[in-house]
Amino acid sequence: GTVPTGGTNVEEGYTWTQSKEEVEITVPLPDGASKSSVKAVFHTGSLRLAFDEQEGPALDGRLGGQCDVDGCTWSIDGGSVVVTLEKAGEVSWGSLFV
């Protein structure tokens, strides 16, 4: 089978891409959200991203692969939050979440 290079989850509103070393997820910022309202929690096998202005998390689940928590970051780019997950190994993930 073909390994996805990324995808779009229309229901959840995010897009993601992957390279050999990292996974990048782009999530739209809710209205009125700022850098201080972003709450990101990284674990080796899971990710949670929430905004103070939004009911419930924007992303929350078990990842399709393992990441190196020390290499995981996020930043705001225009009207989106860009989450970068550094992979624990150079392995292609079959999906973002499982």
PDB file of N, CA and C in Angstrom:
ATOM      1  N   GLY A   1       0.819  -1.204   0.000  1.00  0.00           N
ATOM      2  CA  GLY A   1       0.000   0.000   0.000  1.00  0.00           C
ATOM      3  C   GLY A   1       0.851   1.252   0.000  1.00  0.00           C
ATOM      4  N   THR A   2       0.242   2.326  -0.422  1.00  0.00           N
ATOM      5  CA  THR A   2       0.949   3.605  -0.470  1.00  0.00           C
ATOM      6  C   THR A   2       0.863   4.292   0.887  1.00  0.00           C
ATOM      7  N   VAL A   3       1.983   4.829   1.328  1.00  0.00           N
ATOM      8  CA  VAL A   3       2.003   5.555   2.595  1.00  0.00           C
ATOM      9  C   VAL A   3       1.586   6.991   2.330  1.00  0.00           C
ATOM     10  N   PRO A   4       0.614   7.513   3.099  1.00  0.00           N
ATOM     11  CA  PRO A   4       0.190   8.893   2.859  1.00  0.00           C
ATOM     12  C   PRO A   4       1.285   9.881   3.229  1.00  0.00           C
ATOM     13  N   THR A   5       1.396  10.954   2.459  1.00  0.00           N
ATOM     14  CA  THR A   5       2.326  12.017   2.807  1.00  0.00           C
ATOM     15  C   THR A   5       1.622  13.042   3.677  1.00  0.00           C
ATOM     16  N   GLY A   6       0.334  12.809   3.911  1.00  0.00           N
ATOM     17  CA  GLY A   6      -0.434  13.731   4.736  1.00  0.00           C
ATOM     18  C   GLY A   6      -1.899  13.615   4.379  1.00  0.00           C
ATOM     19  N   GLY A   7      -2.666  14.590   4.808  1.00  0.00           N
ATOM     20  CA  GLY A   7      -4.084  14.540   4.511  1.00  0.00           C
ATOM     21  C   GLY A   7      -4.818  15.703   5.135  1.00  0.00           C
ATOM     22  N   THR A   8      -6.113  15.739   4.874  1.00  0.00           N
ATOM     23  CA  THR A   8      -6.980  16.776   5.421  1.00  0.00           C
ATOM     24  C   THR A   8      -8.145  16.095   6.117  1.00  0.00           C
ATOM     25  N   ASN A   9      -8.419  16.490   7.341  1.00  0.00           N
ATOM     26  CA  ASN A   9      -9.588  16.005   8.050  1.00  0.00           C
ATOM     27  C   ASN A   9     -10.588  17.149   8.075  1.00  0.00           C
ATOM     28  N   VAL A  10     -11.543  17.091   7.156  1.00  0.00           N
ATOM     29  CA  VAL A  10     -12.485  18.206   6.991  1.00  0.00           C
ATOM     30  C   VAL A  10     -13.341  18.386   8.240  1.00  0.00           C
ATOM     31  N   GLU A  11     -13.806  17.274   8.823  1.00  0.00           N
ATOM     32  CA  GLU A  11     -14.649  17.365  10.025  1.00  0.00           C
ATOM     33  C   GLU A  11     -13.924  18.066  11.164  1.00  0.00           C
ATOM     34  N   GLU A  12     -12.671  17.686  11.382  1.00  0.00           N
ATOM     35  CA  GLU A  12     -11.907  18.264  12.490  1.00  0.00           C
ATOM     36  C   GLU A  12     -11.230  19.576  12.095  1.00  0.00           C
ATOM     37  N   GLY A  13     -11.126  19.831  10.797  1.00  0.00           N
ATOM     38  CA  GLY A  13     -10.606  21.111  10.340  1.00  0.00           C
ATOM     39  C   GLY A  13      -9.099  21.244  10.305  1.00  0.00           C
ATOM     40  N   TYR A  14      -8.372  20.142  10.334  1.00  0.00           N
ATOM     41  CA  TYR A  14      -6.917  20.251  10.291  1.00  0.00           C
ATOM     42  C   TYR A  14      -6.344  19.576   9.048  1.00  0.00           C
ATOM     43  N   THR A  15      -5.114  19.951   8.702  1.00  0.00           N
ATOM     44  CA  THR A  15      -4.373  19.262   7.657  1.00  0.00           C
ATOM     45  C   THR A  15      -3.048  18.803   8.247  1.00  0.00           C
ATOM     46  N   TRP A  16      -2.443  17.779   7.654  1.00  0.00           N
ATOM     47  CA  TRP A  16      -1.150  17.320   8.151  1.00  0.00           C
ATOM     48  C   TRP A  16      -0.286  16.819   6.995  1.00  0.00           C
ATOM     49  N   THR A  17       1.008  16.937   7.180  1.00  0.00           N
ATOM     50  CA  THR A  17       1.974  16.429   6.210  1.00  0.00           C
ATOM     51  C   THR A  17       3.083  15.745   6.992  1.00  0.00           C
ATOM     52  N   GLN A  18       3.825  14.856   6.317  1.00  0.00           N
ATOM     53  CA  GLN A  18       4.951  14.224   6.981  1.00  0.00           C
ATOM     54  C   GLN A  18       6.140  14.114   6.048  1.00  0.00           C
ATOM     55  N   SER A  19       7.316  14.190   6.670  1.00  0.00           N
ATOM     56  CA  SER A  19       8.565  13.889   5.977  1.00  0.00           C
ATOM     57  C   SER A  19       9.175  12.705   6.725  1.00  0.00           C
ATOM     58  N   LYS A  20      10.400  12.320   6.385  1.00  0.00           N
ATOM     59  CA  LYS A  20      11.024  11.193   7.092  1.00  0.00           C
ATOM     60  C   LYS A  20      11.243  11.530   8.573  1.00  0.00           C
ATOM     61  N   GLU A  21      11.521  12.798   8.854  1.00  0.00           N
ATOM     62  CA  GLU A  21      11.896  13.181  10.219  1.00  0.00           C
ATOM     63  C   GLU A  21      10.783  13.770  11.060  1.00  0.00           C
ATOM     64  N   GLU A  22       9.764  14.356  10.417  1.00  0.00           N
ATOM     65  CA  GLU A  22       8.764  15.050  11.224  1.00  0.00           C
ATOM     66  C   GLU A  22       7.377  15.042  10.598  1.00  0.00           C
ATOM     67  N   VAL A  23       6.416  15.374  11.464  1.00  0.00           N
ATOM     68  CA  VAL A  23       5.022  15.507  11.066  1.00  0.00           C
ATOM     69  C   VAL A  23       4.607  16.944  11.376  1.00  0.00           C
ATOM     70  N   GLU A  24       3.910  17.578  10.444  1.00  0.00           N
ATOM     71  CA  GLU A  24       3.456  18.951  10.652  1.00  0.00           C
ATOM     72  C   GLU A  24       1.940  18.979  10.531  1.00  0.00           C
ATOM     73  N   ILE A  25       1.293  19.563  11.541  1.00  0.00           N
ATOM     74  CA  ILE A  25      -0.164  19.638  11.577  1.00  0.00           C
ATOM     75  C   ILE A  25      -0.555  21.115  11.617  1.00  0.00           C
ATOM     76  N   THR A  26      -1.496  21.492  10.768  1.00  0.00           N
ATOM     77  CA  THR A  26      -1.966  22.882  10.738  1.00  0.00           C
ATOM     78  C   THR A  26      -3.430  22.915  11.161  1.00  0.00           C
ATOM     79  N   VAL A  27      -3.693  23.704  12.203  1.00  0.00           N
ATOM     80  CA  VAL A  27      -5.037  23.800  12.784  1.00  0.00           C
ATOM     81  C   VAL A  27      -5.460  25.267  12.777  1.00  0.00           C
ATOM     82  N   PRO A  28      -6.655  25.588  12.274  1.00  0.00           N
ATOM     83  CA  PRO A  28      -7.079  26.991  12.292  1.00  0.00           C
ATOM     84  C   PRO A  28      -7.281  27.509  13.716  1.00  0.00           C
ATOM     85  N   LEU A  29      -6.870  28.744  13.939  1.00  0.00           N
ATOM     86  CA  LEU A  29      -7.077  29.390  15.245  1.00  0.00           C
ATOM     87  C   LEU A  29      -8.542  29.785  15.381  1.00  0.00           C
ATOM     88  N   PRO A  30      -9.153  29.520  16.528  1.00  0.00           N
ATOM     89  CA  PRO A  30     -10.518  30.014  16.737  1.00  0.00           C
ATOM     90  C   PRO A  30     -10.535  31.544  16.819  1.00  0.00           C
ATOM     91  N   ASP A  31     -11.691  32.128  16.570  1.00  0.00           N
ATOM     92  CA  ASP A  31     -11.830  33.581  16.670  1.00  0.00           C
ATOM     93  C   ASP A  31     -11.421  34.052  18.055  1.00  0.00           C
ATOM     94  N   GLY A  32     -10.620  35.107  18.085  1.00  0.00           N
ATOM     95  CA  GLY A  32     -10.224  35.699  19.356  1.00  0.00           C
ATOM     96  C   GLY A  32      -9.084  34.995  20.059  1.00  0.00           C
ATOM     97  N   ALA A  33      -8.598  33.896  19.495  1.00  0.00           N
ATOM     98  CA  ALA A  33      -7.511  33.157  20.153  1.00  0.00           C
ATOM     99  C   ALA A  33      -6.181  33.865  19.931  1.00  0.00           C
ATOM    100  N   SER A  34      -5.325  33.769  20.937  1.00  0.00           N
ATOM    101  CA  SER A  34      -3.984  34.331  20.833  1.00  0.00           C
ATOM    102  C   SER A  34      -2.996  33.268  21.304  1.00  0.00           C
ATOM    103  N   LYS A  35      -1.728  33.614  21.260  1.00  0.00           N
ATOM    104  CA  LYS A  35      -0.684  32.653  21.639  1.00  0.00           C
ATOM    105  C   LYS A  35      -0.898  32.131  23.058  1.00  0.00           C
ATOM    106  N   SER A  36      -1.364  32.986  23.944  1.00  0.00           N
ATOM    107  CA  SER A  36      -1.524  32.589  25.344  1.00  0.00           C
ATOM    108  C   SER A  36      -2.696  31.636  25.566  1.00  0.00           C
ATOM    109  N   SER A  37      -3.575  31.516  24.567  1.00  0.00           N
ATOM    110  CA  SER A  37      -4.725  30.638  24.759  1.00  0.00           C
ATOM    111  C   SER A  37      -4.496  29.238  24.183  1.00  0.00           C
ATOM    112  N   VAL A  38      -3.316  29.019  23.594  1.00  0.00           N
ATOM    113  CA  VAL A  38      -2.994  27.704  23.023  1.00  0.00           C
ATOM    114  C   VAL A  38      -2.426  26.799  24.114  1.00  0.00           C
ATOM    115  N   LYS A  39      -3.006  25.616  24.252  1.00  0.00           N
ATOM    116  CA  LYS A  39      -2.530  24.635  25.224  1.00  0.00           C
ATOM    117  C   LYS A  39      -2.172  23.359  24.467  1.00  0.00           C
ATOM    118  N   ALA A  40      -0.875  23.084  24.368  1.00  0.00           N
ATOM    119  CA  ALA A  40      -0.418  21.890  23.658  1.00  0.00           C
ATOM    120  C   ALA A  40       0.267  20.950  24.644  1.00  0.00           C
ATOM    121  N   VAL A  41      -0.114  19.678  24.600  1.00  0.00           N
ATOM    122  CA  VAL A  41       0.496  18.658  25.459  1.00  0.00           C
ATOM    123  C   VAL A  41       1.029  17.548  24.559  1.00  0.00           C
ATOM    124  N   PHE A  42       2.346  17.333  24.614  1.00  0.00           N
ATOM    125  CA  PHE A  42       2.987  16.322  23.787  1.00  0.00           C
ATOM    126  C   PHE A  42       3.381  15.113  24.628  1.00  0.00           C
ATOM    127  N   HIS A  43       3.074  13.924  24.146  1.00  0.00           N
ATOM    128  CA  HIS A  43       3.559  12.680  24.735  1.00  0.00           C
ATOM    129  C   HIS A  43       4.160  11.849  23.609  1.00  0.00           C
ATOM    130  N   THR A  44       4.902  10.807  23.960  1.00  0.00           N
ATOM    131  CA  THR A  44       5.557   9.975  22.955  1.00  0.00           C
ATOM    132  C   THR A  44       4.559   9.438  21.943  1.00  0.00           C
ATOM    133  N   GLY A  45       3.375   9.038  22.419  1.00  0.00           N
ATOM    134  CA  GLY A  45       2.414   8.409  21.517  1.00  0.00           C
ATOM    135  C   GLY A  45       1.080   9.104  21.420  1.00  0.00           C
ATOM    136  N   SER A  46       0.983  10.333  21.933  1.00  0.00           N
ATOM    137  CA  SER A  46      -0.300  11.034  21.851  1.00  0.00           C
ATOM    138  C   SER A  46      -0.091  12.540  21.804  1.00  0.00           C
ATOM    139  N   LEU A  47      -1.143  13.221  21.392  1.00  0.00           N
ATOM    140  CA  LEU A  47      -1.100  14.674  21.258  1.00  0.00           C
ATOM    141  C   LEU A  47      -2.434  15.247  21.685  1.00  0.00           C
ATOM    142  N   ARG A  48      -2.373  16.370  22.390  1.00  0.00           N
ATOM    143  CA  ARG A  48      -3.585  17.107  22.727  1.00  0.00           C
ATOM    144  C   ARG A  48      -3.319  18.579  22.478  1.00  0.00           C
ATOM    145  N   LEU A  49      -4.240  19.212  21.740  1.00  0.00           N
ATOM    146  CA  LEU A  49      -4.143  20.640  21.460  1.00  0.00           C
ATOM    147  C   LEU A  49      -5.500  21.258  21.745  1.00  0.00           C
ATOM    148  N   ALA A  50      -5.505  22.288  22.575  1.00  0.00           N
ATOM    149  CA  ALA A  50      -6.764  22.934  22.940  1.00  0.00           C
ATOM    150  C   ALA A  50      -6.584  24.448  22.932  1.00  0.00           C
ATOM    151  N   PHE A  51      -7.703  25.145  22.836  1.00  0.00           N
ATOM    152  CA  PHE A  51      -7.717  26.607  22.874  1.00  0.00           C
ATOM    153  C   PHE A  51      -8.683  27.045  23.965  1.00  0.00           C
ATOM    154  N   ASP A  52      -8.321  28.090  24.700  1.00  0.00           N
ATOM    155  CA  ASP A  52      -9.194  28.607  25.753  1.00  0.00           C
ATOM    156  C   ASP A  52     -10.563  29.014  25.200  1.00  0.00           C
ATOM    157  N   GLU A  53     -10.603  29.483  23.953  1.00  0.00           N
ATOM    158  CA  GLU A  53     -11.851  29.997  23.365  1.00  0.00           C
ATOM    159  C   GLU A  53     -12.747  28.902  22.789  1.00  0.00           C
ATOM    160  N   GLN A  54     -12.302  27.658  22.850  1.00  0.00           N
ATOM    161  CA  GLN A  54     -13.033  26.593  22.170  1.00  0.00           C
ATOM    162  C   GLN A  54     -13.404  25.501  23.155  1.00  0.00           C
ATOM    163  N   GLU A  55     -14.632  25.037  23.053  1.00  0.00           N
ATOM    164  CA  GLU A  55     -15.115  23.943  23.902  1.00  0.00           C
ATOM    165  C   GLU A  55     -14.480  22.642  23.415  1.00  0.00           C
ATOM    166  N   GLY A  56     -13.807  21.943  24.304  1.00  0.00           N
ATOM    167  CA  GLY A  56     -13.198  20.666  23.917  1.00  0.00           C
ATOM    168  C   GLY A  56     -11.916  20.875  23.128  1.00  0.00           C
ATOM    169  N   PRO A  57     -11.087  19.848  23.068  1.00  0.00           N
ATOM    170  CA  PRO A  57      -9.801  19.985  22.382  1.00  0.00           C
ATOM    171  C   PRO A  57      -9.948  20.012  20.862  1.00  0.00           C
ATOM    172  N   ALA A  58      -9.026  20.711  20.198  1.00  0.00           N
ATOM    173  CA  ALA A  58      -8.992  20.737  18.735  1.00  0.00           C
ATOM    174  C   ALA A  58      -8.420  19.429  18.207  1.00  0.00           C
ATOM    175  N   LEU A  59      -7.410  18.912  18.895  1.00  0.00           N
ATOM    176  CA  LEU A  59      -6.798  17.622  18.568  1.00  0.00           C
ATOM    177  C   LEU A  59      -6.616  16.854  19.858  1.00  0.00           C
ATOM    178  N   ASP A  60      -6.901  15.573  19.845  1.00  0.00           N
ATOM    179  CA  ASP A  60      -6.700  14.773  21.050  1.00  0.00           C
ATOM    180  C   ASP A  60      -6.749  13.302  20.647  1.00  0.00           C
ATOM    181  N   GLY A  61      -5.626  12.608  20.782  1.00  0.00           N
ATOM    182  CA  GLY A  61      -5.680  11.196  20.424  1.00  0.00           C
ATOM    183  C   GLY A  61      -4.333  10.519  20.411  1.00  0.00           C
ATOM    184  N   ARG A  62      -4.383   9.217  20.158  1.00  0.00           N
ATOM    185  CA  ARG A  62      -3.177   8.418  20.025  1.00  0.00           C
ATOM    186  C   ARG A  62      -2.617   8.609  18.623  1.00  0.00           C
ATOM    187  N   LEU A  63      -1.332   8.902  18.550  1.00  0.00           N
ATOM    188  CA  LEU A  63      -0.695   9.179  17.267  1.00  0.00           C
ATOM    189  C   LEU A  63      -0.435   7.898  16.479  1.00  0.00           C
ATOM    190  N   GLY A  64      -0.305   8.057  15.169  1.00  0.00           N
ATOM    191  CA  GLY A  64      -0.035   6.932  14.285  1.00  0.00           C
ATOM    192  C   GLY A  64       1.407   6.455  14.338  1.00  0.00           C
ATOM    193  N   GLY A  65       2.220   7.112  15.142  1.00  0.00           N
ATOM    194  CA  GLY A  65       3.619   6.735  15.325  1.00  0.00           C
ATOM    195  C   GLY A  65       4.116   7.344  16.615  1.00  0.00           C
ATOM    196  N   GLN A  66       5.401   7.217  16.869  1.00  0.00           N
ATOM    197  CA  GLN A  66       5.957   7.775  18.107  1.00  0.00           C
ATOM    198  C   GLN A  66       6.778   9.009  17.798  1.00  0.00           C
ATOM    199  N   CYS A  67       6.709   9.972  18.712  1.00  0.00           N
ATOM    200  CA  CYS A  67       7.475  11.195  18.518  1.00  0.00           C
ATOM    201  C   CYS A  67       8.446  11.405  19.666  1.00  0.00           C
ATOM    202  N   ASP A  68       9.443  12.231  19.399  1.00  0.00           N
ATOM    203  CA  ASP A  68      10.428  12.634  20.391  1.00  0.00           C
ATOM    204  C   ASP A  68       9.901  13.923  21.019  1.00  0.00           C
ATOM    205  N   VAL A  69       9.417  13.821  22.248  1.00  0.00           N
ATOM    206  CA  VAL A  69       8.732  14.951  22.898  1.00  0.00           C
ATOM    207  C   VAL A  69       9.607  16.208  22.924  1.00  0.00           C
ATOM    208  N   ASP A  70      10.922  16.040  23.140  1.00  0.00           N
ATOM    209  CA  ASP A  70      11.821  17.194  23.208  1.00  0.00           C
ATOM    210  C   ASP A  70      11.898  17.964  21.895  1.00  0.00           C
ATOM    211  N   GLY A  71      11.544  17.297  20.789  1.00  0.00           N
ATOM    212  CA  GLY A  71      11.617  17.945  19.484  1.00  0.00           C
ATOM    213  C   GLY A  71      10.274  18.416  18.963  1.00  0.00           C
ATOM    214  N   CYS A  72       9.248  18.415  19.815  1.00  0.00           N
ATOM    215  CA  CYS A  72       7.911  18.830  19.399  1.00  0.00           C
ATOM    216  C   CYS A  72       7.681  20.295  19.766  1.00  0.00           C
ATOM    217  N   THR A  73       7.185  21.052  18.817  1.00  0.00           N
ATOM    218  CA  THR A  73       6.953  22.483  19.047  1.00  0.00           C
ATOM    219  C   THR A  73       5.661  22.906  18.364  1.00  0.00           C
ATOM    220  N   TRP A  74       5.251  24.134  18.628  1.00  0.00           N
ATOM    221  CA  TRP A  74       4.130  24.726  17.896  1.00  0.00           C
ATOM    222  C   TRP A  74       4.394  26.209  17.736  1.00  0.00           C
ATOM    223  N   SER A  75       3.777  26.787  16.720  1.00  0.00           N
ATOM    224  CA  SER A  75       3.908  28.224  16.492  1.00  0.00           C
ATOM    225  C   SER A  75       2.628  28.714  15.818  1.00  0.00           C
ATOM    226  N   ILE A  76       2.446  30.023  15.841  1.00  0.00           N
ATOM    227  CA  ILE A  76       1.291  30.612  15.166  1.00  0.00           C
ATOM    228  C   ILE A  76       1.765  31.194  13.847  1.00  0.00           C
ATOM    229  N   ASP A  77       1.077  30.822  12.775  1.00  0.00           N
ATOM    230  CA  ASP A  77       1.418  31.304  11.438  1.00  0.00           C
ATOM    231  C   ASP A  77       0.146  31.848  10.812  1.00  0.00           C
ATOM    232  N   GLY A  78       0.018  33.160  10.773  1.00  0.00           N
ATOM    233  CA  GLY A  78      -1.210  33.771  10.258  1.00  0.00           C
ATOM    234  C   GLY A  78      -2.381  33.388  11.140  1.00  0.00           C
ATOM    235  N   GLY A  79      -3.402  32.790  10.569  1.00  0.00           N
ATOM    236  CA  GLY A  79      -4.573  32.410  11.346  1.00  0.00           C
ATOM    237  C   GLY A  79      -4.590  30.955  11.757  1.00  0.00           C
ATOM    238  N   SER A  80      -3.407  30.339  11.806  1.00  0.00           N
ATOM    239  CA  SER A  80      -3.341  28.918  12.145  1.00  0.00           C
ATOM    240  C   SER A  80      -2.265  28.643  13.186  1.00  0.00           C
ATOM    241  N   VAL A  81      -2.436  27.526  13.878  1.00  0.00           N
ATOM    242  CA  VAL A  81      -1.379  26.996  14.730  1.00  0.00           C
ATOM    243  C   VAL A  81      -0.716  25.864  13.951  1.00  0.00           C
ATOM    244  N   VAL A  82       0.599  25.905  13.869  1.00  0.00           N
ATOM    245  CA  VAL A  82       1.354  24.855  13.198  1.00  0.00           C
ATOM    246  C   VAL A  82       2.090  24.045  14.260  1.00  0.00           C
ATOM    247  N   VAL A  83       1.730  22.774  14.374  1.00  0.00           N
ATOM    248  CA  VAL A  83       2.345  21.873  15.344  1.00  0.00           C
ATOM    249  C   VAL A  83       3.368  21.010  14.606  1.00  0.00           C
ATOM    250  N   THR A  84       4.600  20.971  15.119  1.00  0.00           N
ATOM    251  CA  THR A  84       5.638  20.143  14.514  1.00  0.00           C
ATOM    252  C   THR A  84       6.022  19.041  15.485  1.00  0.00           C
ATOM    253  N   LEU A  85       5.867  17.791  15.049  1.00  0.00           N
ATOM    254  CA  LEU A  85       6.228  16.633  15.856  1.00  0.00           C
ATOM    255  C   LEU A  85       7.481  16.010  15.259  1.00  0.00           C
ATOM    256  N   GLU A  86       8.530  15.900  16.062  1.00  0.00           N
ATOM    257  CA  GLU A  86       9.740  15.227  15.602  1.00  0.00           C
ATOM    258  C   GLU A  86       9.557  13.728  15.813  1.00  0.00           C
ATOM    259  N   LYS A  87       9.708  12.950  14.758  1.00  0.00           N
ATOM    260  CA  LYS A  87       9.510  11.506  14.861  1.00  0.00           C
ATOM    261  C   LYS A  87      10.626  10.867  15.681  1.00  0.00           C
ATOM    262  N   ALA A  88      10.264   9.817  16.418  1.00  0.00           N
ATOM    263  CA  ALA A  88      11.246   9.084  17.218  1.00  0.00           C
ATOM    264  C   ALA A  88      12.175   8.270  16.315  1.00  0.00           C
ATOM    265  N   GLY A  89      11.697   7.930  15.123  1.00  0.00           N
ATOM    266  CA  GLY A  89      12.518   7.219  14.152  1.00  0.00           C
ATOM    267  C   GLY A  89      12.047   7.590  12.771  1.00  0.00           C
ATOM    268  N   GLU A  90      12.876   7.305  11.766  1.00  0.00           N
ATOM    269  CA  GLU A  90      12.513   7.655  10.392  1.00  0.00           C
ATOM    270  C   GLU A  90      11.551   6.608   9.838  1.00  0.00           C
ATOM    271  N   VAL A  91      10.334   6.655  10.331  1.00  0.00           N
ATOM    272  CA  VAL A  91       9.295   5.709   9.946  1.00  0.00           C
ATOM    273  C   VAL A  91       8.114   6.501   9.406  1.00  0.00           C
ATOM    274  N   SER A  92       7.540   6.032   8.304  1.00  0.00           N
ATOM    275  CA  SER A  92       6.342   6.692   7.779  1.00  0.00           C
ATOM    276  C   SER A  92       5.129   6.279   8.603  1.00  0.00           C
ATOM    277  N   TRP A  93       4.327   7.251   8.987  1.00  0.00           N
ATOM    278  CA  TRP A  93       3.103   6.974   9.725  1.00  0.00           C
ATOM    279  C   TRP A  93       1.979   6.694   8.725  1.00  0.00           C
ATOM    280  N   GLY A  94       1.200   5.660   8.986  1.00  0.00           N
ATOM    281  CA  GLY A  94       0.080   5.322   8.115  1.00  0.00           C
ATOM    282  C   GLY A  94      -1.078   6.298   8.243  1.00  0.00           C
ATOM    283  N   SER A  95      -1.168   6.941   9.405  1.00  0.00           N
ATOM    284  CA  SER A  95      -2.200   7.937   9.650  1.00  0.00           C
ATOM    285  C   SER A  95      -1.712   8.852  10.771  1.00  0.00           C
ATOM    286  N   LEU A  96      -2.353  10.002  10.928  1.00  0.00           N
ATOM    287  CA  LEU A  96      -1.959  10.912  11.994  1.00  0.00           C
ATOM    288  C   LEU A  96      -2.385  10.347  13.348  1.00  0.00           C
ATOM    289  N   PHE A  97      -3.647   9.921  13.432  1.00  0.00           N
ATOM    290  CA  PHE A  97      -4.166   9.326  14.669  1.00  0.00           C
ATOM    291  C   PHE A  97      -4.621   7.897  14.395  1.00  0.00           C
ATOM    292  N   VAL A  98      -4.617   7.088  15.444  1.00  0.00           N
ATOM    293  CA  VAL A  98      -5.103   5.707  15.303  1.00  0.00           C
ATOM    294  C   VAL A  98      -6.310   5.489  16.185  1.00  0.00           C
TER     295      VAL A  98
END
